[in-house]
């Protein structure tokens, strides 16, 4: 894998996650993107990938969905960003992909729940809502995994057996 491919795959992944969040799911699949980024790229690249997706979602939210410009909205956006970065860090430490995904999802939701305990919003953590978010992330993971296989065949993403270290050495 060429050095430019190390940038192309994260760009594809962040863009794919962003588009899934806007168009298909109405749920940004941060746990899915965090897991795939963490398991296919070096940690710094994974964090940047998740950060770019988060920034895109925040810009879209304020520019197109007219999020209110209030301190609580900014704090929630920050909590989502911290949760997404935490999810990537956890996923990078777990070698078994399904476990990495589940751990990333748990961290993502857990950080946001901690925020809700302090700032309010616990009512959004019902089993039905969290289940819907999990469903969206599973669907997002499946779509992004398929995209990864296509990108691998095109030579712009690590092959399915690659680890982040192996991807960085190519």
C-alpha atoms as a PDB file:
ATOM      1  CA  UNK A   1       0.000   0.000   0.000  1.00  0.00           C
ATOM      2  CA  UNK A   2       1.369   3.403  -0.992  1.00  0.00           C
ATOM      3  CA  UNK A   3       1.582   6.274   1.468  1.00  0.00           C
ATOM      4  CA  UNK A   4      -1.123   8.170  -0.425  1.00  0.00           C
ATOM      5  CA  UNK A   5      -3.419   5.172   0.054  1.00  0.00           C
ATOM      6  CA  UNK A   6      -3.032   5.602   3.807  1.00  0.00           C
ATOM      7  CA  UNK A   7      -4.831   8.911   3.323  1.00  0.00           C
ATOM      8  CA  UNK A   8      -7.298   7.778   0.678  1.00  0.00           C
ATOM      9  CA  UNK A   9      -8.841   4.952   2.709  1.00  0.00           C
ATOM     10  CA  UNK A  10      -9.483   7.127   5.799  1.00  0.00           C
ATOM     11  CA  UNK A  11     -11.017   9.778   3.540  1.00  0.00           C
ATOM     12  CA  UNK A  12     -13.300   7.160   1.974  1.00  0.00           C
ATOM     13  CA  UNK A  13     -14.215   5.843   5.418  1.00  0.00           C
ATOM     14  CA  UNK A  14     -14.960   9.263   6.948  1.00  0.00           C
ATOM     15  CA  UNK A  15     -16.953  10.348   3.898  1.00  0.00           C
ATOM     16  CA  UNK A  16     -18.864   7.071   3.790  1.00  0.00           C
ATOM     17  CA  UNK A  17     -19.734   7.327   7.477  1.00  0.00           C
ATOM     18  CA  UNK A  18     -20.785  10.951   7.067  1.00  0.00           C
ATOM     19  CA  UNK A  19     -23.021  10.151   4.086  1.00  0.00           C
ATOM     20  CA  UNK A  20     -24.557   7.170   5.887  1.00  0.00           C
ATOM     21  CA  UNK A  21     -25.349   9.407   8.823  1.00  0.00           C
ATOM     22  CA  UNK A  22     -27.039  11.992   6.621  1.00  0.00           C
ATOM     23  CA  UNK A  23     -28.814   9.942   3.999  1.00  0.00           C
ATOM     24  CA  UNK A  24     -29.408   6.354   4.953  1.00  0.00           C
ATOM     25  CA  UNK A  25     -29.551   6.106   8.700  1.00  0.00           C
ATOM     26  CA  UNK A  26     -30.134   9.509  10.265  1.00  0.00           C
ATOM     27  CA  UNK A  27     -27.774   8.011  12.833  1.00  0.00           C
ATOM     28  CA  UNK A  28     -24.097   8.749  12.353  1.00  0.00           C
ATOM     29  CA  UNK A  29     -22.361   5.354  12.611  1.00  0.00           C
ATOM     30  CA  UNK A  30     -19.499   6.591  14.766  1.00  0.00           C
ATOM     31  CA  UNK A  31     -18.862   3.222  16.427  1.00  0.00           C
ATOM     32  CA  UNK A  32     -18.662   1.542  13.021  1.00  0.00           C
ATOM     33  CA  UNK A  33     -16.278   4.139  11.594  1.00  0.00           C
ATOM     34  CA  UNK A  34     -14.213   4.189  14.789  1.00  0.00           C
ATOM     35  CA  UNK A  35     -13.838   0.401  14.716  1.00  0.00           C
ATOM     36  CA  UNK A  36     -12.941   0.126  11.049  1.00  0.00           C
ATOM     37  CA  UNK A  37     -10.557   3.074  11.219  1.00  0.00           C
ATOM     38  CA  UNK A  38      -8.882   1.730  14.360  1.00  0.00           C
ATOM     39  CA  UNK A  39      -8.502  -1.776  12.989  1.00  0.00           C
ATOM     40  CA  UNK A  40      -7.239  -0.794   9.519  1.00  0.00           C
ATOM     41  CA  UNK A  41      -5.060   2.282  10.092  1.00  0.00           C
ATOM     42  CA  UNK A  42      -2.544   3.518  12.647  1.00  0.00           C
ATOM     43  CA  UNK A  43      -4.184   4.990  15.757  1.00  0.00           C
ATOM     44  CA  UNK A  44      -3.375   8.604  14.876  1.00  0.00           C
ATOM     45  CA  UNK A  45      -4.936   8.170  11.441  1.00  0.00           C
ATOM     46  CA  UNK A  46      -7.967   6.482  13.002  1.00  0.00           C
ATOM     47  CA  UNK A  47      -8.444   9.381  15.413  1.00  0.00           C
ATOM     48  CA  UNK A  48      -8.132  11.875  12.564  1.00  0.00           C
ATOM     49  CA  UNK A  49     -10.650   9.879  10.495  1.00  0.00           C
ATOM     50  CA  UNK A  50     -13.198   9.895  13.310  1.00  0.00           C
ATOM     51  CA  UNK A  51     -12.476  13.566  13.998  1.00  0.00           C
ATOM     52  CA  UNK A  52     -13.092  14.530  10.384  1.00  0.00           C
ATOM     53  CA  UNK A  53     -16.382  12.627  10.356  1.00  0.00           C
ATOM     54  CA  UNK A  54     -17.414  14.295  13.631  1.00  0.00           C
ATOM     55  CA  UNK A  55     -16.506  17.746  12.328  1.00  0.00           C
ATOM     56  CA  UNK A  56     -18.476  17.135   9.127  1.00  0.00           C
ATOM     57  CA  UNK A  57     -21.517  16.041  11.105  1.00  0.00           C
ATOM     58  CA  UNK A  58     -21.313  19.121  13.316  1.00  0.00           C
ATOM     59  CA  UNK A  59     -21.005  21.475  10.349  1.00  0.00           C
ATOM     60  CA  UNK A  60     -23.949  19.774   8.636  1.00  0.00           C
ATOM     61  CA  UNK A  61     -26.001  19.906  11.823  1.00  0.00           C
ATOM     62  CA  UNK A  62     -25.540  23.612  12.355  1.00  0.00           C
ATOM     63  CA  UNK A  63     -25.600  24.620   8.682  1.00  0.00           C
ATOM     64  CA  UNK A  64     -28.400  22.439   7.313  1.00  0.00           C
ATOM     65  CA  UNK A  65     -30.366  21.049  10.254  1.00  0.00           C
ATOM     66  CA  UNK A  66     -30.286  24.349  12.126  1.00  0.00           C
ATOM     67  CA  UNK A  67     -29.057  23.020  15.453  1.00  0.00           C
ATOM     68  CA  UNK A  68     -29.687  25.713  18.061  1.00  0.00           C
ATOM     69  CA  UNK A  69     -26.672  27.793  19.018  1.00  0.00           C
ATOM     70  CA  UNK A  70     -26.856  27.084  22.744  1.00  0.00           C
ATOM     71  CA  UNK A  71     -24.250  25.971  25.259  1.00  0.00           C
ATOM     72  CA  UNK A  72     -26.017  22.620  25.739  1.00  0.00           C
ATOM     73  CA  UNK A  73     -25.883  21.930  21.999  1.00  0.00           C
ATOM     74  CA  UNK A  74     -22.183  22.736  21.865  1.00  0.00           C
ATOM     75  CA  UNK A  75     -21.567  20.547  24.914  1.00  0.00           C
ATOM     76  CA  UNK A  76     -23.487  17.650  23.366  1.00  0.00           C
ATOM     77  CA  UNK A  77     -21.473  18.004  20.167  1.00  0.00           C
ATOM     78  CA  UNK A  78     -18.271  17.928  22.204  1.00  0.00           C
ATOM     79  CA  UNK A  79     -19.504  14.839  24.085  1.00  0.00           C
ATOM     80  CA  UNK A  80     -20.194  13.076  20.783  1.00  0.00           C
ATOM     81  CA  UNK A  81     -16.690  13.934  19.583  1.00  0.00           C
ATOM     82  CA  UNK A  82     -15.052  12.707  22.782  1.00  0.00           C
ATOM     83  CA  UNK A  83     -17.189   9.551  22.683  1.00  0.00           C
ATOM     84  CA  UNK A  84     -16.230   8.847  19.074  1.00  0.00           C
ATOM     85  CA  UNK A  85     -12.516   9.325  19.780  1.00  0.00           C
ATOM     86  CA  UNK A  86     -12.792   7.103  22.853  1.00  0.00           C
ATOM     87  CA  UNK A  87     -14.521   4.448  20.760  1.00  0.00           C
ATOM     88  CA  UNK A  88     -11.614   4.481  18.299  1.00  0.00           C
ATOM     89  CA  UNK A  89      -9.031   4.200  21.075  1.00  0.00           C
ATOM     90  CA  UNK A  90     -10.813   1.199  22.582  1.00  0.00           C
ATOM     91  CA  UNK A  91     -11.340  -0.516  19.214  1.00  0.00           C
ATOM     92  CA  UNK A  92      -7.625  -0.145  18.462  1.00  0.00           C
ATOM     93  CA  UNK A  93      -6.784  -2.240  21.530  1.00  0.00           C
ATOM     94  CA  UNK A  94      -9.034  -5.221  20.755  1.00  0.00           C
ATOM     95  CA  UNK A  95      -7.929  -7.667  18.066  1.00  0.00           C
ATOM     96  CA  UNK A  96     -11.204  -9.542  17.511  1.00  0.00           C
ATOM     97  CA  UNK A  97     -13.233  -7.346  15.181  1.00  0.00           C
ATOM     98  CA  UNK A  98     -16.774  -8.070  16.493  1.00  0.00           C
ATOM     99  CA  UNK A  99     -15.581  -7.503  20.064  1.00  0.00           C
ATOM    100  CA  UNK A 100     -13.813  -4.320  19.017  1.00  0.00           C
ATOM    101  CA  UNK A 101     -17.052  -3.071  17.469  1.00  0.00           C
ATOM    102  CA  UNK A 102     -19.141  -3.923  20.542  1.00  0.00           C
ATOM    103  CA  UNK A 103     -16.602  -2.294  22.853  1.00  0.00           C
ATOM    104  CA  UNK A 104     -16.480   0.807  20.654  1.00  0.00           C
ATOM    105  CA  UNK A 105     -20.264   1.033  20.711  1.00  0.00           C
ATOM    106  CA  UNK A 106     -20.342   0.604  24.500  1.00  0.00           C
ATOM    107  CA  UNK A 107     -17.751   3.350  24.990  1.00  0.00           C
ATOM    108  CA  UNK A 108     -19.523   5.649  22.530  1.00  0.00           C
ATOM    109  CA  UNK A 109     -22.848   5.268  24.328  1.00  0.00           C
ATOM    110  CA  UNK A 110     -21.269   5.221  27.793  1.00  0.00           C
ATOM    111  CA  UNK A 111     -19.494   8.545  27.351  1.00  0.00           C
ATOM    112  CA  UNK A 112     -22.679  10.140  26.092  1.00  0.00           C
ATOM    113  CA  UNK A 113     -24.652   8.648  28.993  1.00  0.00           C
ATOM    114  CA  UNK A 114     -22.114  10.112  31.433  1.00  0.00           C
ATOM    115  CA  UNK A 115     -22.670  13.473  29.754  1.00  0.00           C
ATOM    116  CA  UNK A 116     -26.459  12.992  30.104  1.00  0.00           C
ATOM    117  CA  UNK A 117     -26.083  12.275  33.813  1.00  0.00           C
ATOM    118  CA  UNK A 118     -24.438  15.647  34.292  1.00  0.00           C
ATOM    119  CA  UNK A 119     -26.221  17.826  31.733  1.00  0.00           C
ATOM    120  CA  UNK A 120     -29.551  16.048  31.238  1.00  0.00           C
ATOM    121  CA  UNK A 121     -30.904  13.867  28.483  1.00  0.00           C
ATOM    122  CA  UNK A 122     -31.038  10.481  30.224  1.00  0.00           C
ATOM    123  CA  UNK A 123     -34.465   9.943  28.658  1.00  0.00           C
ATOM    124  CA  UNK A 124     -32.766   9.408  25.296  1.00  0.00           C
ATOM    125  CA  UNK A 125     -31.110   6.246  26.609  1.00  0.00           C
ATOM    126  CA  UNK A 126     -34.113   3.944  26.509  1.00  0.00           C
ATOM    127  CA  UNK A 127     -33.621   0.395  25.292  1.00  0.00           C
ATOM    128  CA  UNK A 128     -35.554   1.230  22.120  1.00  0.00           C
ATOM    129  CA  UNK A 129     -33.421   4.263  21.263  1.00  0.00           C
ATOM    130  CA  UNK A 130     -30.076   2.636  22.073  1.00  0.00           C
ATOM    131  CA  UNK A 131     -31.209  -0.430  20.123  1.00  0.00           C
ATOM    132  CA  UNK A 132     -32.002   1.741  17.122  1.00  0.00           C
ATOM    133  CA  UNK A 133     -28.586   3.384  17.338  1.00  0.00           C
ATOM    134  CA  UNK A 134     -26.955  -0.042  17.577  1.00  0.00           C
ATOM    135  CA  UNK A 135     -28.950  -1.218  14.569  1.00  0.00           C
ATOM    136  CA  UNK A 136     -27.815   1.821  12.581  1.00  0.00           C
ATOM    137  CA  UNK A 137     -24.200   1.185  13.536  1.00  0.00           C
ATOM    138  CA  UNK A 138     -24.429  -2.502  12.599  1.00  0.00           C
ATOM    139  CA  UNK A 139     -25.909  -1.564   9.218  1.00  0.00           C
ATOM    140  CA  UNK A 140     -23.276   1.148   8.818  1.00  0.00           C
ATOM    141  CA  UNK A 141     -20.549  -1.331   9.710  1.00  0.00           C
ATOM    142  CA  UNK A 142     -21.810  -3.820   7.112  1.00  0.00           C
ATOM    143  CA  UNK A 143     -21.964  -1.152   4.400  1.00  0.00           C
ATOM    144  CA  UNK A 144     -18.564   0.296   5.289  1.00  0.00           C
ATOM    145  CA  UNK A 145     -17.028  -3.205   5.499  1.00  0.00           C
ATOM    146  CA  UNK A 146     -18.331  -3.868   1.991  1.00  0.00           C
ATOM    147  CA  UNK A 147     -16.839  -0.552   0.900  1.00  0.00           C
ATOM    148  CA  UNK A 148     -13.565  -1.654   2.468  1.00  0.00           C
ATOM    149  CA  UNK A 149     -13.588  -4.889   0.473  1.00  0.00           C
ATOM    150  CA  UNK A 150     -14.157  -2.926  -2.726  1.00  0.00           C
ATOM    151  CA  UNK A 151     -11.407  -0.470  -1.800  1.00  0.00           C
ATOM    152  CA  UNK A 152      -9.094  -3.383  -0.961  1.00  0.00           C
ATOM    153  CA  UNK A 153      -9.719  -4.916  -4.377  1.00  0.00           C
ATOM    154  CA  UNK A 154      -8.874  -1.528  -5.906  1.00  0.00           C
ATOM    155  CA  UNK A 155      -5.691  -1.377  -3.830  1.00  0.00           C
ATOM    156  CA  UNK A 156      -6.593   1.688  -1.763  1.00  0.00           C
ATOM    157  CA  UNK A 157      -7.452   0.005   1.563  1.00  0.00           C
ATOM    158  CA  UNK A 158      -5.721  -2.597   3.695  1.00  0.00           C
ATOM    159  CA  UNK A 159      -6.600  -6.180   2.856  1.00  0.00           C
ATOM    160  CA  UNK A 160      -9.038  -7.939   5.183  1.00  0.00           C
ATOM    161  CA  UNK A 161      -6.284  -9.592   7.206  1.00  0.00           C
ATOM    162  CA  UNK A 162      -4.247  -6.435   7.728  1.00  0.00           C
ATOM    163  CA  UNK A 163      -3.557  -5.002  11.119  1.00  0.00           C
ATOM    164  CA  UNK A 164      -2.984  -1.281  11.669  1.00  0.00           C
ATOM    165  CA  UNK A 165       0.770  -1.905  12.023  1.00  0.00           C
ATOM    166  CA  UNK A 166       0.893  -3.852   8.764  1.00  0.00           C
ATOM    167  CA  UNK A 167      -1.067  -1.104   7.013  1.00  0.00           C
ATOM    168  CA  UNK A 168       1.380   1.514   8.238  1.00  0.00           C
ATOM    169  CA  UNK A 169       4.407  -0.422   6.945  1.00  0.00           C
ATOM    170  CA  UNK A 170       3.150  -0.733   3.380  1.00  0.00           C
END
